[in-house]
C-alpha cells in the first residue's frame, strides 16, 4: 500500500523572498527547496551564488520572475575573507596548496593593494567557475584536468573597504559590478602584496537595492508554518526599489500595458518602475500596482518589461 502523503497543489504566488543562502548549497538547490516549501507554480533565482558562499539570494515567484534580470545585472556587495600567504588550485580553501610564501605586510601595503584593484580592471574568469564553454561549466573541465583558454572581461570594482586584518587573515567589503569573481580578486590582491592569497570565506550582503535586511534563512523557513512563510514574500518591485517611480492615471496605465509609448513631463532616465491605480484600493489594498519597467527618453515613457493583466491582478490577490 502506498502510504506517501498526497502531493500538495502548487500556488500562483507573485513576489520575492530574500533568502540568506546557507553554505554548501547551490543557488538552484536553494531555489527548489524554497519553491517546494512555498508550493509555488513558477520560480527563478537572480544569478548564481557559489555553493561555498553564503548570503543574499533573491528568489522570484510568478510575475516577479520578469524582473530577475534586474538583480542579475545589478551591482553586488560582498564581505570576503582572504587567507594570505597561500595560493591554491581553485583560488579558495577547497583546492590544493600551490605555493606558500611569508606574509610580510602592513596597513599601508594592504591599502595600496586594495586601491590598485579598484576601478575598471580586466579579469580572467577562473577555471573553477560555472561559466559555460561549449555547453559545459568550466569547473567540469577543471575536474578533468583540462585548461580552457578564457578571454578577460572588463569589470568594475567600485570600492574595497578594509574591515580588518590579523596575521594571515584579511577581511574586506567589496562593492562591484556584475560578473566579478571575488576569488580572482582575492588572488590579485595577494599577488600585489607579494605573498599570494586565496579566498577563505565569502558572503553576499547586497544586490542592487536589496540587502540582507529582511532576509530569511532556509532553516527558519523550514521551521515555519505555510502562513508564516507567506509573510516573507515581498512585493515584486523590491527588485526595482532603487529606480525612480512613475505613476500613471487609469487611462494612461491601460495604454502603457498595451506597449504604447506615453508622453511624460519627466527627465530622461535609463530605467524606471511604472505604477497604475489599484481599482480595489477602497477595500484597504495598496493604492497603486506595479505595471512594469520602462525608460524615459526625450519626454517619452518607453516600456521595457510589461506585466500581463493577469499578472497585475495576481499582484493584488492575497496569498491563499
C-alpha atoms as a PDB file:
ATOM      1  CA  UNK A   1       0.000   0.000   0.000  1.00  0.00           C
ATOM      2  CA  UNK A   2       1.267   3.465  -0.875  1.00  0.00           C
ATOM      3  CA  UNK A   3       1.443   5.451   2.363  1.00  0.00           C
ATOM      4  CA  UNK A   4       3.068   8.528   0.868  1.00  0.00           C
ATOM      5  CA  UNK A   5       1.093  11.726   1.588  1.00  0.00           C
ATOM      6  CA  UNK A   6      -0.716  13.270  -1.404  1.00  0.00           C
ATOM      7  CA  UNK A   7       1.241  15.886  -3.301  1.00  0.00           C
ATOM      8  CA  UNK A   8       0.238  19.389  -2.340  1.00  0.00           C
ATOM      9  CA  UNK A   9      -1.080  21.555  -5.209  1.00  0.00           C
ATOM     10  CA  UNK A  10       1.075  24.421  -6.460  1.00  0.00           C
ATOM     11  CA  UNK A  11       0.050  28.028  -5.822  1.00  0.00           C
ATOM     12  CA  UNK A  12       0.210  31.077  -8.082  1.00  0.00           C
ATOM     13  CA  UNK A  13       2.477  33.204  -5.912  1.00  0.00           C
ATOM     14  CA  UNK A  14       3.806  36.589  -7.029  1.00  0.00           C
ATOM     15  CA  UNK A  15       6.680  38.240  -5.191  1.00  0.00           C
ATOM     16  CA  UNK A  16      10.213  37.891  -3.897  1.00  0.00           C
ATOM     17  CA  UNK A  17      11.782  36.103  -0.956  1.00  0.00           C
ATOM     18  CA  UNK A  18      15.173  37.387   0.140  1.00  0.00           C
ATOM     19  CA  UNK A  19      16.967  34.201   1.119  1.00  0.00           C
ATOM     20  CA  UNK A  20      20.093  34.103   3.249  1.00  0.00           C
ATOM     21  CA  UNK A  21      21.622  31.145   1.394  1.00  0.00           C
ATOM     22  CA  UNK A  22      23.465  28.598   3.523  1.00  0.00           C
ATOM     23  CA  UNK A  23      26.986  27.327   2.919  1.00  0.00           C
ATOM     24  CA  UNK A  24      27.375  24.330   0.631  1.00  0.00           C
ATOM     25  CA  UNK A  25      24.112  24.672  -1.276  1.00  0.00           C
ATOM     26  CA  UNK A  26      23.938  25.700  -4.941  1.00  0.00           C
ATOM     27  CA  UNK A  27      21.640  28.563  -5.930  1.00  0.00           C
ATOM     28  CA  UNK A  28      19.351  26.217  -7.858  1.00  0.00           C
ATOM     29  CA  UNK A  29      19.158  23.716  -4.987  1.00  0.00           C
ATOM     30  CA  UNK A  30      18.229  26.568  -2.638  1.00  0.00           C
ATOM     31  CA  UNK A  31      15.573  27.780  -5.082  1.00  0.00           C
ATOM     32  CA  UNK A  32      13.986  24.343  -5.456  1.00  0.00           C
ATOM     33  CA  UNK A  33      13.874  23.778  -1.688  1.00  0.00           C
ATOM     34  CA  UNK A  34      12.138  27.129  -1.105  1.00  0.00           C
ATOM     35  CA  UNK A  35       9.832  26.590  -4.088  1.00  0.00           C
ATOM     36  CA  UNK A  36       8.638  23.309  -2.566  1.00  0.00           C
ATOM     37  CA  UNK A  37       8.136  24.930   0.816  1.00  0.00           C
ATOM     38  CA  UNK A  38       6.097  27.757  -0.764  1.00  0.00           C
ATOM     39  CA  UNK A  39       4.255  25.398  -3.178  1.00  0.00           C
ATOM     40  CA  UNK A  40       4.936  27.955  -5.900  1.00  0.00           C
ATOM     41  CA  UNK A  41       3.959  27.318  -9.527  1.00  0.00           C
ATOM     42  CA  UNK A  42       6.703  29.453 -11.090  1.00  0.00           C
ATOM     43  CA  UNK A  43      10.045  30.435  -9.585  1.00  0.00           C
ATOM     44  CA  UNK A  44      13.530  31.581 -10.513  1.00  0.00           C
ATOM     45  CA  UNK A  45      16.642  32.971  -8.845  1.00  0.00           C
ATOM     46  CA  UNK A  46      18.576  36.102  -9.719  1.00  0.00           C
ATOM     47  CA  UNK A  47      22.012  34.789 -10.572  1.00  0.00           C
ATOM     48  CA  UNK A  48      24.338  32.126  -9.265  1.00  0.00           C
ATOM     49  CA  UNK A  49      25.851  32.398  -5.803  1.00  0.00           C
ATOM     50  CA  UNK A  50      28.713  29.926  -5.360  1.00  0.00           C
ATOM     51  CA  UNK A  51      27.957  26.928  -3.079  1.00  0.00           C
ATOM     52  CA  UNK A  52      30.930  27.976  -0.928  1.00  0.00           C
ATOM     53  CA  UNK A  53      29.384  31.434  -0.434  1.00  0.00           C
ATOM     54  CA  UNK A  54      26.557  32.431   1.896  1.00  0.00           C
ATOM     55  CA  UNK A  55      24.271  35.427   1.918  1.00  0.00           C
ATOM     56  CA  UNK A  56      21.722  37.260  -0.158  1.00  0.00           C
ATOM     57  CA  UNK A  57      19.940  35.323  -2.902  1.00  0.00           C
ATOM     58  CA  UNK A  58      16.676  36.968  -4.064  1.00  0.00           C
ATOM     59  CA  UNK A  59      14.194  34.301  -5.180  1.00  0.00           C
ATOM     60  CA  UNK A  60      11.435  35.362  -7.598  1.00  0.00           C
ATOM     61  CA  UNK A  61       7.947  33.874  -7.860  1.00  0.00           C
ATOM     62  CA  UNK A  62       5.307  34.351 -10.543  1.00  0.00           C
ATOM     63  CA  UNK A  63       5.227  37.850 -12.030  1.00  0.00           C
ATOM     64  CA  UNK A  64       8.412  38.796 -10.183  1.00  0.00           C
ATOM     65  CA  UNK A  65      10.440  36.426 -12.397  1.00  0.00           C
ATOM     66  CA  UNK A  66      10.088  39.019 -15.183  1.00  0.00           C
ATOM     67  CA  UNK A  67      12.449  41.253 -13.226  1.00  0.00           C
ATOM     68  CA  UNK A  68      15.059  38.672 -12.183  1.00  0.00           C
ATOM     69  CA  UNK A  69      17.452  40.042 -14.813  1.00  0.00           C
ATOM     70  CA  UNK A  70      17.423  43.371 -12.979  1.00  0.00           C
ATOM     71  CA  UNK A  71      19.047  41.801  -9.939  1.00  0.00           C
ATOM     72  CA  UNK A  72      21.374  39.769 -12.143  1.00  0.00           C
ATOM     73  CA  UNK A  73      22.643  42.955 -13.830  1.00  0.00           C
ATOM     74  CA  UNK A  74      22.862  44.985 -10.607  1.00  0.00           C
ATOM     75  CA  UNK A  75      25.980  45.849  -8.636  1.00  0.00           C
ATOM     76  CA  UNK A  76      26.763  43.466  -5.793  1.00  0.00           C
ATOM     77  CA  UNK A  77      28.299  43.809  -2.328  1.00  0.00           C
ATOM     78  CA  UNK A  78      30.336  41.088  -0.622  1.00  0.00           C
ATOM     79  CA  UNK A  79      32.246  40.537   2.584  1.00  0.00           C
ATOM     80  CA  UNK A  80      35.297  38.452   1.717  1.00  0.00           C
ATOM     81  CA  UNK A  81      37.896  36.850   3.959  1.00  0.00           C
ATOM     82  CA  UNK A  82      41.309  36.221   2.382  1.00  0.00           C
ATOM     83  CA  UNK A  83      43.927  33.757   3.547  1.00  0.00           C
ATOM     84  CA  UNK A  84      47.254  35.474   2.895  1.00  0.00           C
ATOM     85  CA  UNK A  85      50.419  33.547   2.130  1.00  0.00           C
ATOM     86  CA  UNK A  86      48.856  30.646   0.245  1.00  0.00           C
ATOM     87  CA  UNK A  87      47.670  30.123  -3.308  1.00  0.00           C
ATOM     88  CA  UNK A  88      45.541  27.103  -4.238  1.00  0.00           C
ATOM     89  CA  UNK A  89      44.476  25.247  -7.357  1.00  0.00           C
ATOM     90  CA  UNK A  90      40.905  26.553  -7.064  1.00  0.00           C
ATOM     91  CA  UNK A  91      41.502  30.020  -5.630  1.00  0.00           C
ATOM     92  CA  UNK A  92      39.696  29.020  -2.443  1.00  0.00           C
ATOM     93  CA  UNK A  93      40.144  26.707   0.528  1.00  0.00           C
ATOM     94  CA  UNK A  94      38.801  23.673  -1.332  1.00  0.00           C
ATOM     95  CA  UNK A  95      41.846  23.347  -3.601  1.00  0.00           C
ATOM     96  CA  UNK A  96      45.325  22.011  -3.085  1.00  0.00           C
ATOM     97  CA  UNK A  97      48.044  24.403  -1.985  1.00  0.00           C
ATOM     98  CA  UNK A  98      50.175  25.545  -4.908  1.00  0.00           C
ATOM     99  CA  UNK A  99      52.570  27.876  -3.149  1.00  0.00           C
ATOM    100  CA  UNK A 100      53.267  29.217   0.328  1.00  0.00           C
ATOM    101  CA  UNK A 101      55.084  32.481   0.964  1.00  0.00           C
ATOM    102  CA  UNK A 102      55.767  34.520   4.100  1.00  0.00           C
ATOM    103  CA  UNK A 103      53.259  37.244   4.947  1.00  0.00           C
ATOM    104  CA  UNK A 104      55.181  40.469   5.450  1.00  0.00           C
ATOM    105  CA  UNK A 105      52.616  43.250   5.072  1.00  0.00           C
ATOM    106  CA  UNK A 106      51.422  46.316   6.934  1.00  0.00           C
ATOM    107  CA  UNK A 107      48.387  48.602   6.843  1.00  0.00           C
ATOM    108  CA  UNK A 108      49.866  50.771   4.115  1.00  0.00           C
ATOM    109  CA  UNK A 109      50.675  47.805   1.861  1.00  0.00           C
ATOM    110  CA  UNK A 110      47.166  46.407   2.224  1.00  0.00           C
ATOM    111  CA  UNK A 111      45.643  49.815   1.482  1.00  0.00           C
ATOM    112  CA  UNK A 112      47.800  50.151  -1.653  1.00  0.00           C
ATOM    113  CA  UNK A 113      46.824  46.678  -2.856  1.00  0.00           C
ATOM    114  CA  UNK A 114      43.112  47.403  -2.425  1.00  0.00           C
ATOM    115  CA  UNK A 115      43.448  50.759  -4.164  1.00  0.00           C
ATOM    116  CA  UNK A 116      45.288  49.118  -7.067  1.00  0.00           C
ATOM    117  CA  UNK A 117      42.358  46.742  -7.575  1.00  0.00           C
ATOM    118  CA  UNK A 118      39.712  49.489  -7.504  1.00  0.00           C
ATOM    119  CA  UNK A 119      38.153  50.901 -10.668  1.00  0.00           C
ATOM    120  CA  UNK A 120      37.803  49.274 -14.082  1.00  0.00           C
ATOM    121  CA  UNK A 121      40.015  46.201 -14.307  1.00  0.00           C
ATOM    122  CA  UNK A 122      40.297  43.144 -16.551  1.00  0.00           C
ATOM    123  CA  UNK A 123      39.623  39.743 -15.007  1.00  0.00           C
ATOM    124  CA  UNK A 124      40.134  36.282 -16.438  1.00  0.00           C
ATOM    125  CA  UNK A 125      37.298  34.017 -15.180  1.00  0.00           C
ATOM    126  CA  UNK A 126      38.660  31.163 -13.046  1.00  0.00           C
ATOM    127  CA  UNK A 127      38.531  27.600 -14.295  1.00  0.00           C
ATOM    128  CA  UNK A 128      36.643  26.653 -11.152  1.00  0.00           C
ATOM    129  CA  UNK A 129      33.537  28.621 -12.091  1.00  0.00           C
ATOM    130  CA  UNK A 130      30.087  27.955 -13.556  1.00  0.00           C
ATOM    131  CA  UNK A 131      30.876  29.864 -16.746  1.00  0.00           C
ATOM    132  CA  UNK A 132      29.907  27.719 -19.741  1.00  0.00           C
ATOM    133  CA  UNK A 133      32.181  26.566 -22.588  1.00  0.00           C
ATOM    134  CA  UNK A 134      30.523  24.523 -25.347  1.00  0.00           C
ATOM    135  CA  UNK A 135      27.612  23.759 -23.053  1.00  0.00           C
ATOM    136  CA  UNK A 136      29.669  22.619 -20.065  1.00  0.00           C
ATOM    137  CA  UNK A 137      30.655  24.516 -16.939  1.00  0.00           C
ATOM    138  CA  UNK A 138      34.344  25.368 -16.692  1.00  0.00           C
ATOM    139  CA  UNK A 139      34.637  23.566 -13.361  1.00  0.00           C
ATOM    140  CA  UNK A 140      33.733  20.306 -15.137  1.00  0.00           C
ATOM    141  CA  UNK A 141      36.763  20.698 -17.405  1.00  0.00           C
ATOM    142  CA  UNK A 142      38.895  21.660 -14.395  1.00  0.00           C
ATOM    143  CA  UNK A 143      37.962  18.447 -12.598  1.00  0.00           C
ATOM    144  CA  UNK A 144      39.230  16.530 -15.628  1.00  0.00           C
ATOM    145  CA  UNK A 145      42.494  18.460 -15.625  1.00  0.00           C
ATOM    146  CA  UNK A 146      41.593  20.344 -18.817  1.00  0.00           C
ATOM    147  CA  UNK A 147      42.513  24.018 -19.087  1.00  0.00           C
ATOM    148  CA  UNK A 148      40.276  26.138 -21.335  1.00  0.00           C
ATOM    149  CA  UNK A 149      41.514  29.462 -22.684  1.00  0.00           C
ATOM    150  CA  UNK A 150      39.287  32.243 -21.333  1.00  0.00           C
ATOM    151  CA  UNK A 151      39.211  35.818 -22.617  1.00  0.00           C
ATOM    152  CA  UNK A 152      39.496  38.533 -19.982  1.00  0.00           C
ATOM    153  CA  UNK A 153      36.452  40.576 -19.026  1.00  0.00           C
ATOM    154  CA  UNK A 154      36.235  44.233 -18.065  1.00  0.00           C
ATOM    155  CA  UNK A 155      34.578  44.600 -14.672  1.00  0.00           C
ATOM    156  CA  UNK A 156      34.373  47.455 -12.178  1.00  0.00           C
ATOM    157  CA  UNK A 157      35.381  47.372  -8.524  1.00  0.00           C
ATOM    158  CA  UNK A 158      33.610  50.400  -7.090  1.00  0.00           C
ATOM    159  CA  UNK A 159      35.137  50.141  -3.629  1.00  0.00           C
ATOM    160  CA  UNK A 160      37.172  47.856  -1.387  1.00  0.00           C
ATOM    161  CA  UNK A 161      36.877  48.721   2.310  1.00  0.00           C
ATOM    162  CA  UNK A 162      39.233  47.057   4.756  1.00  0.00           C
ATOM    163  CA  UNK A 163      37.233  45.561   7.628  1.00  0.00           C
ATOM    164  CA  UNK A 164      40.289  44.219   9.439  1.00  0.00           C
ATOM    165  CA  UNK A 165      43.336  42.012   9.246  1.00  0.00           C
ATOM    166  CA  UNK A 166      45.355  39.981  11.669  1.00  0.00           C
ATOM    167  CA  UNK A 167      48.278  37.740  10.803  1.00  0.00           C
ATOM    168  CA  UNK A 168      47.412  35.947   7.585  1.00  0.00           C
ATOM    169  CA  UNK A 169      43.668  36.760   7.613  1.00  0.00           C
ATOM    170  CA  UNK A 170      42.314  39.818   5.781  1.00  0.00           C
ATOM    171  CA  UNK A 171      38.615  40.757   5.640  1.00  0.00           C
ATOM    172  CA  UNK A 172      37.303  43.303   3.137  1.00  0.00           C
ATOM    173  CA  UNK A 173      33.952  44.627   1.929  1.00  0.00           C
ATOM    174  CA  UNK A 174      33.714  44.774  -1.868  1.00  0.00           C
ATOM    175  CA  UNK A 175      31.208  46.685  -3.996  1.00  0.00           C
ATOM    176  CA  UNK A 176      31.462  45.613  -7.623  1.00  0.00           C
ATOM    177  CA  UNK A 177      29.741  45.229 -10.976  1.00  0.00           C
ATOM    178  CA  UNK A 178      28.068  42.046 -12.141  1.00  0.00           C
ATOM    179  CA  UNK A 179      30.364  39.305 -13.396  1.00  0.00           C
ATOM    180  CA  UNK A 180      33.075  39.955 -10.812  1.00  0.00           C
ATOM    181  CA  UNK A 181      34.843  36.864  -9.464  1.00  0.00           C
ATOM    182  CA  UNK A 182      35.806  37.580  -5.868  1.00  0.00           C
ATOM    183  CA  UNK A 183      38.168  34.583  -5.702  1.00  0.00           C
ATOM    184  CA  UNK A 184      40.092  36.071  -8.651  1.00  0.00           C
ATOM    185  CA  UNK A 185      40.106  39.450  -6.910  1.00  0.00           C
ATOM    186  CA  UNK A 186      41.483  37.765  -3.769  1.00  0.00           C
ATOM    187  CA  UNK A 187      44.292  36.192  -5.788  1.00  0.00           C
ATOM    188  CA  UNK A 188      45.104  39.546  -7.403  1.00  0.00           C
ATOM    189  CA  UNK A 189      45.288  41.298  -4.036  1.00  0.00           C
ATOM    190  CA  UNK A 190      47.591  38.539  -2.785  1.00  0.00           C
ATOM    191  CA  UNK A 191      49.909  38.919  -5.771  1.00  0.00           C
ATOM    192  CA  UNK A 192      50.025  42.681  -5.300  1.00  0.00           C
ATOM    193  CA  UNK A 193      51.058  42.086  -1.686  1.00  0.00           C
ATOM    194  CA  UNK A 194      53.758  39.671  -2.833  1.00  0.00           C
ATOM    195  CA  UNK A 195      52.627  36.819  -0.616  1.00  0.00           C
ATOM    196  CA  UNK A 196      49.761  35.329  -2.583  1.00  0.00           C
ATOM    197  CA  UNK A 197      46.253  34.670  -1.238  1.00  0.00           C
ATOM    198  CA  UNK A 198      43.132  32.617  -1.686  1.00  0.00           C
ATOM    199  CA  UNK A 199      39.501  33.186  -0.782  1.00  0.00           C
ATOM    200  CA  UNK A 200      38.690  31.698   2.601  1.00  0.00           C
ATOM    201  CA  UNK A 201      35.119  32.909   3.076  1.00  0.00           C
ATOM    202  CA  UNK A 202      32.517  34.874   1.097  1.00  0.00           C
ATOM    203  CA  UNK A 203      29.160  36.384   1.992  1.00  0.00           C
ATOM    204  CA  UNK A 204      26.963  38.443  -0.323  1.00  0.00           C
ATOM    205  CA  UNK A 205      25.436  41.337   1.563  1.00  0.00           C
ATOM    206  CA  UNK A 206      23.590  43.268  -1.167  1.00  0.00           C
ATOM    207  CA  UNK A 207      22.345  43.047  -4.752  1.00  0.00           C
ATOM    208  CA  UNK A 208      21.093  46.255  -6.312  1.00  0.00           C
ATOM    209  CA  UNK A 209      18.648  47.815  -3.875  1.00  0.00           C
ATOM    210  CA  UNK A 210      18.138  44.639  -1.825  1.00  0.00           C
ATOM    211  CA  UNK A 211      20.184  43.767   1.255  1.00  0.00           C
ATOM    212  CA  UNK A 212      20.269  41.132   3.970  1.00  0.00           C
ATOM    213  CA  UNK A 213      17.830  43.274   5.967  1.00  0.00           C
ATOM    214  CA  UNK A 214      14.634  41.242   5.920  1.00  0.00           C
ATOM    215  CA  UNK A 215      16.355  38.143   4.536  1.00  0.00           C
ATOM    216  CA  UNK A 216      15.363  34.762   5.957  1.00  0.00           C
ATOM    217  CA  UNK A 217      17.374  31.568   6.277  1.00  0.00           C
ATOM    218  CA  UNK A 218      16.320  28.248   4.764  1.00  0.00           C
ATOM    219  CA  UNK A 219      16.421  26.670   8.212  1.00  0.00           C
ATOM    220  CA  UNK A 220      13.994  29.289   9.524  1.00  0.00           C
ATOM    221  CA  UNK A 221      11.608  28.814   6.582  1.00  0.00           C
ATOM    222  CA  UNK A 222      11.597  25.042   7.112  1.00  0.00           C
ATOM    223  CA  UNK A 223      10.556  25.526  10.744  1.00  0.00           C
ATOM    224  CA  UNK A 224       7.631  27.844   9.866  1.00  0.00           C
ATOM    225  CA  UNK A 225       4.031  27.151   9.044  1.00  0.00           C
ATOM    226  CA  UNK A 226       2.962  27.988   5.492  1.00  0.00           C
ATOM    227  CA  UNK A 227       1.171  31.113   6.705  1.00  0.00           C
ATOM    228  CA  UNK A 228       4.353  32.276   8.441  1.00  0.00           C
ATOM    229  CA  UNK A 229       6.395  31.674   5.280  1.00  0.00           C
ATOM    230  CA  UNK A 230       3.956  33.767   3.274  1.00  0.00           C
ATOM    231  CA  UNK A 231       4.730  36.801   5.440  1.00  0.00           C
ATOM    232  CA  UNK A 232       8.272  36.764   3.996  1.00  0.00           C
ATOM    233  CA  UNK A 233       7.003  37.125   0.424  1.00  0.00           C
ATOM    234  CA  UNK A 234       7.858  40.705  -0.514  1.00  0.00           C
ATOM    235  CA  UNK A 235       6.362  42.765  -3.337  1.00  0.00           C
ATOM    236  CA  UNK A 236       7.762  42.141  -6.825  1.00  0.00           C
ATOM    237  CA  UNK A 237       9.036  45.710  -7.085  1.00  0.00           C
ATOM    238  CA  UNK A 238      11.538  45.172  -4.258  1.00  0.00           C
ATOM    239  CA  UNK A 239      13.995  44.301  -7.051  1.00  0.00           C
ATOM    240  CA  UNK A 240      13.411  47.767  -8.567  1.00  0.00           C
ATOM    241  CA  UNK A 241      13.438  49.703  -5.304  1.00  0.00           C
ATOM    242  CA  UNK A 242      16.431  51.867  -6.226  1.00  0.00           C
ATOM    243  CA  UNK A 243      14.822  53.019  -9.517  1.00  0.00           C
ATOM    244  CA  UNK A 244      12.697  56.194  -9.834  1.00  0.00           C
ATOM    245  CA  UNK A 245       8.935  55.598  -9.744  1.00  0.00           C
ATOM    246  CA  UNK A 246       6.460  56.840 -12.382  1.00  0.00           C
ATOM    247  CA  UNK A 247       2.726  56.790 -11.548  1.00  0.00           C
ATOM    248  CA  UNK A 248       0.171  56.842 -14.372  1.00  0.00           C
ATOM    249  CA  UNK A 249      -3.556  57.545 -14.207  1.00  0.00           C
ATOM    250  CA  UNK A 250      -6.052  54.862 -15.184  1.00  0.00           C
ATOM    251  CA  UNK A 251      -6.322  55.696 -18.875  1.00  0.00           C
ATOM    252  CA  UNK A 252      -2.558  56.107 -19.349  1.00  0.00           C
ATOM    253  CA  UNK A 253      -1.890  52.923 -17.400  1.00  0.00           C
ATOM    254  CA  UNK A 254      -4.142  50.933 -19.722  1.00  0.00           C
ATOM    255  CA  UNK A 255      -2.356  52.246 -22.802  1.00  0.00           C
ATOM    256  CA  UNK A 256       1.054  51.614 -21.259  1.00  0.00           C
ATOM    257  CA  UNK A 257       0.133  47.980 -20.590  1.00  0.00           C
ATOM    258  CA  UNK A 258      -0.568  47.513 -24.312  1.00  0.00           C
ATOM    259  CA  UNK A 259       3.033  48.523 -25.042  1.00  0.00           C
ATOM    260  CA  UNK A 260       2.324  52.062 -26.233  1.00  0.00           C
ATOM    261  CA  UNK A 261       4.781  54.849 -25.523  1.00  0.00           C
ATOM    262  CA  UNK A 262       3.389  57.631 -23.358  1.00  0.00           C
ATOM    263  CA  UNK A 263       4.284  61.332 -23.258  1.00  0.00           C
ATOM    264  CA  UNK A 264       5.569  62.438 -19.836  1.00  0.00           C
ATOM    265  CA  UNK A 265       6.994  65.641 -18.464  1.00  0.00           C
ATOM    266  CA  UNK A 266       9.945  63.927 -16.841  1.00  0.00           C
ATOM    267  CA  UNK A 267      13.709  63.965 -17.284  1.00  0.00           C
ATOM    268  CA  UNK A 268      15.447  61.212 -19.218  1.00  0.00           C
ATOM    269  CA  UNK A 269      16.095  58.094 -17.128  1.00  0.00           C
ATOM    270  CA  UNK A 270      17.667  54.758 -18.142  1.00  0.00           C
ATOM    271  CA  UNK A 271      15.263  52.735 -16.004  1.00  0.00           C
ATOM    272  CA  UNK A 272      12.110  53.492 -14.032  1.00  0.00           C
ATOM    273  CA  UNK A 273       9.380  51.433 -12.368  1.00  0.00           C
ATOM    274  CA  UNK A 274       5.864  52.209 -13.542  1.00  0.00           C
ATOM    275  CA  UNK A 275       2.664  52.041 -11.488  1.00  0.00           C
ATOM    276  CA  UNK A 276      -1.037  52.420 -12.150  1.00  0.00           C
ATOM    277  CA  UNK A 277      -4.034  52.857  -9.859  1.00  0.00           C
ATOM    278  CA  UNK A 278      -5.408  49.911  -7.948  1.00  0.00           C
ATOM    279  CA  UNK A 279      -9.162  49.641  -8.572  1.00  0.00           C
ATOM    280  CA  UNK A 280      -9.535  47.684  -5.311  1.00  0.00           C
ATOM    281  CA  UNK A 281      -7.848  50.322  -3.163  1.00  0.00           C
ATOM    282  CA  UNK A 282     -11.169  51.106  -1.475  1.00  0.00           C
ATOM    283  CA  UNK A 283     -11.015  47.655   0.110  1.00  0.00           C
ATOM    284  CA  UNK A 284      -7.908  48.607   2.035  1.00  0.00           C
ATOM    285  CA  UNK A 285      -5.374  47.386  -0.503  1.00  0.00           C
ATOM    286  CA  UNK A 286      -2.451  49.346  -1.910  1.00  0.00           C
ATOM    287  CA  UNK A 287      -3.451  52.491  -3.854  1.00  0.00           C
ATOM    288  CA  UNK A 288      -1.223  51.580  -6.806  1.00  0.00           C
ATOM    289  CA  UNK A 289       0.086  48.466  -8.517  1.00  0.00           C
ATOM    290  CA  UNK A 290       3.221  47.694 -10.494  1.00  0.00           C
ATOM    291  CA  UNK A 291       2.708  47.639 -14.284  1.00  0.00           C
ATOM    292  CA  UNK A 292       6.278  47.047 -15.400  1.00  0.00           C
ATOM    293  CA  UNK A 293       9.554  48.793 -16.135  1.00  0.00           C
ATOM    294  CA  UNK A 294      10.471  51.418 -18.705  1.00  0.00           C
ATOM    295  CA  UNK A 295      12.980  54.089 -19.651  1.00  0.00           C
ATOM    296  CA  UNK A 296      12.416  57.749 -20.435  1.00  0.00           C
ATOM    297  CA  UNK A 297      13.920  59.445 -23.469  1.00  0.00           C
ATOM    298  CA  UNK A 298      13.033  62.840 -24.955  1.00  0.00           C
ATOM    299  CA  UNK A 299       9.792  63.067 -22.997  1.00  0.00           C
ATOM    300  CA  UNK A 300       8.606  59.556 -23.871  1.00  0.00           C
ATOM    301  CA  UNK A 301       7.975  56.741 -21.415  1.00  0.00           C
ATOM    302  CA  UNK A 302       9.078  53.639 -23.338  1.00  0.00           C
ATOM    303  CA  UNK A 303       8.076  50.198 -21.968  1.00  0.00           C
ATOM    304  CA  UNK A 304      10.910  47.776 -21.269  1.00  0.00           C
ATOM    305  CA  UNK A 305       9.232  44.909 -19.423  1.00  0.00           C
ATOM    306  CA  UNK A 306       5.448  44.696 -19.030  1.00  0.00           C
ATOM    307  CA  UNK A 307       3.263  42.608 -16.781  1.00  0.00           C
ATOM    308  CA  UNK A 308       0.197  40.990 -18.291  1.00  0.00           C
ATOM    309  CA  UNK A 309      -3.252  41.996 -16.965  1.00  0.00           C
ATOM    310  CA  UNK A 310      -3.442  38.589 -15.254  1.00  0.00           C
ATOM    311  CA  UNK A 311      -0.073  39.175 -13.574  1.00  0.00           C
ATOM    312  CA  UNK A 312      -1.149  42.644 -12.439  1.00  0.00           C
ATOM    313  CA  UNK A 313      -4.246  41.087 -10.925  1.00  0.00           C
ATOM    314  CA  UNK A 314      -2.082  38.404  -9.354  1.00  0.00           C
ATOM    315  CA  UNK A 315      -0.066  41.058  -7.530  1.00  0.00           C
ATOM    316  CA  UNK A 316      -3.328  42.293  -5.998  1.00  0.00           C
ATOM    317  CA  UNK A 317      -4.621  38.874  -4.991  1.00  0.00           C
ATOM    318  CA  UNK A 318      -3.924  37.874  -1.369  1.00  0.00           C
ATOM    319  CA  UNK A 319      -1.870  34.723  -0.864  1.00  0.00           C
ATOM    320  CA  UNK A 320      -4.158  31.765  -0.128  1.00  0.00           C
END
